[in-house]
Amino acid sequence: MSATDKAKNKVEDLAGKAKEAAGKVTGDRSTEHEGKADQTKSDLKGAGEKVKDAFRD
């Protein structure tokens, strides 16, 4: 996994956490769920990159 991919995944994860928190504060459940989905997507991308890295070595 390249450093660029790691950074992009981390930014996406942090944005998801911020969106989730904003949704909780404002009571907007849609935004809260979108934030959780963004975090999950980031986690899945990271897992996929780890699998690719395992096969490269």
PDB file of N, CA and C in Angstrom:
ATOM      1  N   MET A   1       0.853  -1.168   0.000  1.00  0.00           N
ATOM      2  CA  MET A   1       0.000   0.000   0.000  1.00  0.00           C
ATOM      3  C   MET A   1       0.895   1.226   0.000  1.00  0.00           C
ATOM      4  N   SER A   2       0.680   2.062  -0.965  1.00  0.00           N
ATOM      5  CA  SER A   2       1.528   3.247  -1.048  1.00  0.00           C
ATOM      6  C   SER A   2       1.145   4.263   0.022  1.00  0.00           C
ATOM      7  N   ALA A   3       2.064   5.126   0.298  1.00  0.00           N
ATOM      8  CA  ALA A   3       1.821   6.163   1.301  1.00  0.00           C
ATOM      9  C   ALA A   3       0.675   7.080   0.869  1.00  0.00           C
ATOM     10  N   THR A   4       0.565   7.307  -0.428  1.00  0.00           N
ATOM     11  CA  THR A   4      -0.520   8.144  -0.943  1.00  0.00           C
ATOM     12  C   THR A   4      -1.871   7.497  -0.672  1.00  0.00           C
ATOM     13  N   ASP A   5      -1.974   6.190  -0.924  1.00  0.00           N
ATOM     14  CA  ASP A   5      -3.227   5.473  -0.662  1.00  0.00           C
ATOM     15  C   ASP A   5      -3.573   5.491   0.816  1.00  0.00           C
ATOM     16  N   LYS A   6      -2.571   5.301   1.645  1.00  0.00           N
ATOM     17  CA  LYS A   6      -2.805   5.338   3.095  1.00  0.00           C
ATOM     18  C   LYS A   6      -3.325   6.702   3.525  1.00  0.00           C
ATOM     19  N   ALA A   7      -2.724   7.742   2.983  1.00  0.00           N
ATOM     20  CA  ALA A   7      -3.131   9.099   3.336  1.00  0.00           C
ATOM     21  C   ALA A   7      -4.558   9.380   2.868  1.00  0.00           C
ATOM     22  N   LYS A   8      -4.883   8.951   1.657  1.00  0.00           N
ATOM     23  CA  LYS A   8      -6.235   9.154   1.132  1.00  0.00           C
ATOM     24  C   LYS A   8      -7.261   8.412   1.984  1.00  0.00           C
ATOM     25  N   ASN A   9      -6.947   7.189   2.364  1.00  0.00           N
ATOM     26  CA  ASN A   9      -7.864   6.416   3.208  1.00  0.00           C
ATOM     27  C   ASN A   9      -8.037   7.075   4.570  1.00  0.00           C
ATOM     28  N   LYS A  10      -6.959   7.597   5.125  1.00  0.00           N
ATOM     29  CA  LYS A  10      -7.032   8.252   6.433  1.00  0.00           C
ATOM     30  C   LYS A  10      -7.876   9.518   6.353  1.00  0.00           C
ATOM     31  N   VAL A  11      -7.698  10.292   5.287  1.00  0.00           N
ATOM     32  CA  VAL A  11      -8.488  11.509   5.102  1.00  0.00           C
ATOM     33  C   VAL A  11      -9.967  11.155   4.966  1.00  0.00           C
ATOM     34  N   GLU A  12     -10.261  10.106   4.189  1.00  0.00           N
ATOM     35  CA  GLU A  12     -11.649   9.681   4.016  1.00  0.00           C
ATOM     36  C   GLU A  12     -12.247   9.219   5.346  1.00  0.00           C
ATOM     37  N   ASP A  13     -11.447   8.509   6.129  1.00  0.00           N
ATOM     38  CA  ASP A  13     -11.910   8.044   7.440  1.00  0.00           C
ATOM     39  C   ASP A  13     -12.194   9.227   8.368  1.00  0.00           C
ATOM     40  N   LEU A  14     -11.286  10.188   8.396  1.00  0.00           N
ATOM     41  CA  LEU A  14     -11.474  11.363   9.254  1.00  0.00           C
ATOM     42  C   LEU A  14     -12.670  12.202   8.800  1.00  0.00           C
ATOM     43  N   ALA A  15     -12.857  12.311   7.495  1.00  0.00           N
ATOM     44  CA  ALA A  15     -14.009  13.056   6.985  1.00  0.00           C
ATOM     45  C   ALA A  15     -15.296  12.349   7.383  1.00  0.00           C
ATOM     46  N   GLY A  16     -15.277  11.029   7.334  1.00  0.00           N
ATOM     47  CA  GLY A  16     -16.447  10.263   7.744  1.00  0.00           C
ATOM     48  C   GLY A  16     -16.757  10.450   9.219  1.00  0.00           C
ATOM     49  N   LYS A  17     -15.713  10.473  10.037  1.00  0.00           N
ATOM     50  CA  LYS A  17     -15.912  10.686  11.474  1.00  0.00           C
ATOM     51  C   LYS A  17     -16.483  12.079  11.741  1.00  0.00           C
ATOM     52  N   ALA A  18     -15.972  13.066  11.005  1.00  0.00           N
ATOM     53  CA  ALA A  18     -16.473  14.432  11.174  1.00  0.00           C
ATOM     54  C   ALA A  18     -17.932  14.522  10.733  1.00  0.00           C
ATOM     55  N   LYS A  19     -18.252  13.881   9.630  1.00  0.00           N
ATOM     56  CA  LYS A  19     -19.625  13.905   9.127  1.00  0.00           C
ATOM     57  C   LYS A  19     -20.567  13.204  10.111  1.00  0.00           C
ATOM     58  N   GLU A  20     -20.101  12.086  10.662  1.00  0.00           N
ATOM     59  CA  GLU A  20     -20.908  11.371  11.649  1.00  0.00           C
ATOM     60  C   GLU A  20     -21.161  12.248  12.884  1.00  0.00           C
ATOM     61  N   ALA A  21     -20.116  12.892  13.359  1.00  0.00           N
ATOM     62  CA  ALA A  21     -20.245  13.756  14.541  1.00  0.00           C
ATOM     63  C   ALA A  21     -21.176  14.933  14.253  1.00  0.00           C
ATOM     64  N   ALA A  22     -21.053  15.527  13.081  1.00  0.00           N
ATOM     65  CA  ALA A  22     -21.927  16.643  12.717  1.00  0.00           C
ATOM     66  C   ALA A  22     -23.382  16.186  12.668  1.00  0.00           C
ATOM     67  N   GLY A  23     -23.593  14.994  12.148  1.00  0.00           N
ATOM     68  CA  GLY A  23     -24.948  14.459  12.100  1.00  0.00           C
ATOM     69  C   GLY A  23     -25.523  14.230  13.483  1.00  0.00           C
ATOM     70  N   LYS A  24     -24.682  13.757  14.406  1.00  0.00           N
ATOM     71  CA  LYS A  24     -25.144  13.544  15.782  1.00  0.00           C
ATOM     72  C   LYS A  24     -25.497  14.862  16.454  1.00  0.00           C
ATOM     73  N   VAL A  25     -24.648  15.861  16.256  1.00  0.00           N
ATOM     74  CA  VAL A  25     -24.863  17.159  16.899  1.00  0.00           C
ATOM     75  C   VAL A  25     -26.134  17.826  16.377  1.00  0.00           C
ATOM     76  N   THR A  26     -26.342  17.751  15.072  1.00  0.00           N
ATOM     77  CA  THR A  26     -27.492  18.423  14.472  1.00  0.00           C
ATOM     78  C   THR A  26     -28.753  17.571  14.492  1.00  0.00           C
ATOM     79  N   GLY A  27     -28.599  16.291  14.836  1.00  0.00           N
ATOM     80  CA  GLY A  27     -29.755  15.401  14.842  1.00  0.00           C
ATOM     81  C   GLY A  27     -30.123  14.912  13.450  1.00  0.00           C
ATOM     82  N   ASP A  28     -29.228  15.084  12.492  1.00  0.00           N
ATOM     83  CA  ASP A  28     -29.463  14.658  11.110  1.00  0.00           C
ATOM     84  C   ASP A  28     -28.949  13.223  10.948  1.00  0.00           C
ATOM     85  N   ARG A  29     -29.859  12.286  11.061  1.00  0.00           N
ATOM     86  CA  ARG A  29     -29.465  10.875  11.023  1.00  0.00           C
ATOM     87  C   ARG A  29     -28.918  10.476   9.654  1.00  0.00           C
ATOM     88  N   SER A  30     -29.374  11.128   8.607  1.00  0.00           N
ATOM     89  CA  SER A  30     -28.879  10.830   7.264  1.00  0.00           C
ATOM     90  C   SER A  30     -27.384  11.147   7.158  1.00  0.00           C
ATOM     91  N   THR A  31     -27.003  12.309   7.637  1.00  0.00           N
ATOM     92  CA  THR A  31     -25.595  12.702   7.611  1.00  0.00           C
ATOM     93  C   THR A  31     -24.771  11.777   8.497  1.00  0.00           C
ATOM     94  N   GLU A  32     -25.325  11.417   9.632  1.00  0.00           N
ATOM     95  CA  GLU A  32     -24.628  10.505  10.540  1.00  0.00           C
ATOM     96  C   GLU A  32     -24.362   9.171   9.856  1.00  0.00           C
ATOM     97  N   HIS A  33     -25.359   8.646   9.157  1.00  0.00           N
ATOM     98  CA  HIS A  33     -25.194   7.368   8.457  1.00  0.00           C
ATOM     99  C   HIS A  33     -24.223   7.478   7.287  1.00  0.00           C
ATOM    100  N   GLU A  34     -24.246   8.617   6.604  1.00  0.00           N
ATOM    101  CA  GLU A  34     -23.291   8.834   5.521  1.00  0.00           C
ATOM    102  C   GLU A  34     -21.861   8.807   6.058  1.00  0.00           C
ATOM    103  N   GLY A  35     -21.657   9.410   7.209  1.00  0.00           N
ATOM    104  CA  GLY A  35     -20.327   9.413   7.823  1.00  0.00           C
ATOM    105  C   GLY A  35     -19.869   8.017   8.171  1.00  0.00           C
ATOM    106  N   LYS A  36     -20.771   7.223   8.719  1.00  0.00           N
ATOM    107  CA  LYS A  36     -20.426   5.836   9.040  1.00  0.00           C
ATOM    108  C   LYS A  36     -20.103   5.056   7.766  1.00  0.00           C
ATOM    109  N   ALA A  37     -20.864   5.309   6.703  1.00  0.00           N
ATOM    110  CA  ALA A  37     -20.625   4.630   5.427  1.00  0.00           C
ATOM    111  C   ALA A  37     -19.257   5.020   4.861  1.00  0.00           C
ATOM    112  N   ASP A  38     -18.904   6.296   4.973  1.00  0.00           N
ATOM    113  CA  ASP A  38     -17.588   6.746   4.499  1.00  0.00           C
ATOM    114  C   ASP A  38     -16.465   6.043   5.258  1.00  0.00           C
ATOM    115  N   GLN A  39     -16.643   5.878   6.555  1.00  0.00           N
ATOM    116  CA  GLN A  39     -15.630   5.193   7.364  1.00  0.00           C
ATOM    117  C   GLN A  39     -15.513   3.731   6.960  1.00  0.00           C
ATOM    118  N   THR A  40     -16.641   3.090   6.725  1.00  0.00           N
ATOM    119  CA  THR A  40     -16.634   1.693   6.313  1.00  0.00           C
ATOM    120  C   THR A  40     -15.956   1.528   4.964  1.00  0.00           C
ATOM    121  N   LYS A  41     -16.251   2.446   4.042  1.00  0.00           N
ATOM    122  CA  LYS A  41     -15.635   2.397   2.720  1.00  0.00           C
ATOM    123  C   LYS A  41     -14.117   2.535   2.841  1.00  0.00           C
ATOM    124  N   SER A  42     -13.671   3.424   3.691  1.00  0.00           N
ATOM    125  CA  SER A  42     -12.244   3.615   3.917  1.00  0.00           C
ATOM    126  C   SER A  42     -11.606   2.346   4.485  1.00  0.00           C
ATOM    127  N   ASP A  43     -12.291   1.721   5.431  1.00  0.00           N
ATOM    128  CA  ASP A  43     -11.784   0.481   6.027  1.00  0.00           C
ATOM    129  C   ASP A  43     -11.664  -0.630   4.982  1.00  0.00           C
ATOM    130  N   LEU A  44     -12.661  -0.729   4.109  1.00  0.00           N
ATOM    131  CA  LEU A  44     -12.642  -1.761   3.072  1.00  0.00           C
ATOM    132  C   LEU A  44     -11.522  -1.519   2.060  1.00  0.00           C
ATOM    133  N   LYS A  45     -11.317  -0.263   1.711  1.00  0.00           N
ATOM    134  CA  LYS A  45     -10.220   0.051   0.798  1.00  0.00           C
ATOM    135  C   LYS A  45      -8.879  -0.332   1.418  1.00  0.00           C
ATOM    136  N   GLY A  46      -8.716  -0.027   2.691  1.00  0.00           N
ATOM    137  CA  GLY A  46      -7.475  -0.373   3.388  1.00  0.00           C
ATOM    138  C   GLY A  46      -7.265  -1.873   3.436  1.00  0.00           C
ATOM    139  N   ALA A  47      -8.323  -2.623   3.685  1.00  0.00           N
ATOM    140  CA  ALA A  47      -8.223  -4.081   3.726  1.00  0.00           C
ATOM    141  C   ALA A  47      -7.860  -4.624   2.349  1.00  0.00           C
ATOM    142  N   GLY A  48      -8.461  -4.058   1.308  1.00  0.00           N
ATOM    143  CA  GLY A  48      -8.144  -4.493  -0.049  1.00  0.00           C
ATOM    144  C   GLY A  48      -6.690  -4.226  -0.398  1.00  0.00           C
ATOM    145  N   GLU A  49      -6.187  -3.090   0.021  1.00  0.00           N
ATOM    146  CA  GLU A  49      -4.784  -2.764  -0.243  1.00  0.00           C
ATOM    147  C   GLU A  49      -3.853  -3.722   0.499  1.00  0.00           C
ATOM    148  N   LYS A  50      -4.226  -4.101   1.710  1.00  0.00           N
ATOM    149  CA  LYS A  50      -3.407  -5.053   2.470  1.00  0.00           C
ATOM    150  C   LYS A  50      -3.370  -6.408   1.792  1.00  0.00           C
ATOM    151  N   VAL A  51      -4.481  -6.829   1.216  1.00  0.00           N
ATOM    152  CA  VAL A  51      -4.525  -8.108   0.507  1.00  0.00           C
ATOM    153  C   VAL A  51      -3.626  -8.044  -0.722  1.00  0.00           C
ATOM    154  N   LYS A  52      -3.716  -6.923  -1.471  1.00  0.00           N
ATOM    155  CA  LYS A  52      -2.849  -6.768  -2.636  1.00  0.00           C
ATOM    156  C   LYS A  52      -1.378  -6.801  -2.234  1.00  0.00           C
ATOM    157  N   ASP A  53      -1.059  -6.134  -1.132  1.00  0.00           N
ATOM    158  CA  ASP A  53       0.327  -6.107  -0.655  1.00  0.00           C
ATOM    159  C   ASP A  53       0.798  -7.508  -0.289  1.00  0.00           C
ATOM    160  N   ALA A  54      -0.057  -8.307   0.292  1.00  0.00           N
ATOM    161  CA  ALA A  54       0.309  -9.673   0.694  1.00  0.00           C
ATOM    162  C   ALA A  54       0.670 -10.522  -0.524  1.00  0.00           C
ATOM    163  N   PHE A  55      -0.013 -10.311  -1.619  1.00  0.00           N
ATOM    164  CA  PHE A  55       0.263 -11.092  -2.823  1.00  0.00           C
ATOM    165  C   PHE A  55       1.471 -10.566  -3.582  1.00  0.00           C
ATOM    166  N   ARG A  56       1.851  -9.332  -3.363  1.00  0.00           N
ATOM    167  CA  ARG A  56       3.035  -8.773  -4.027  1.00  0.00           C
ATOM    168  C   ARG A  56       4.327  -9.300  -3.417  1.00  0.00           C
ATOM    169  N   ASP A  57       4.287  -9.580  -2.123  1.00  0.00           N
ATOM    170  CA  ASP A  57       5.514 -10.005  -1.437  1.00  0.00           C
ATOM    171  C   ASP A  57       5.824 -11.420  -1.665  1.00  0.00           C
TER     172      ASP A  57
END
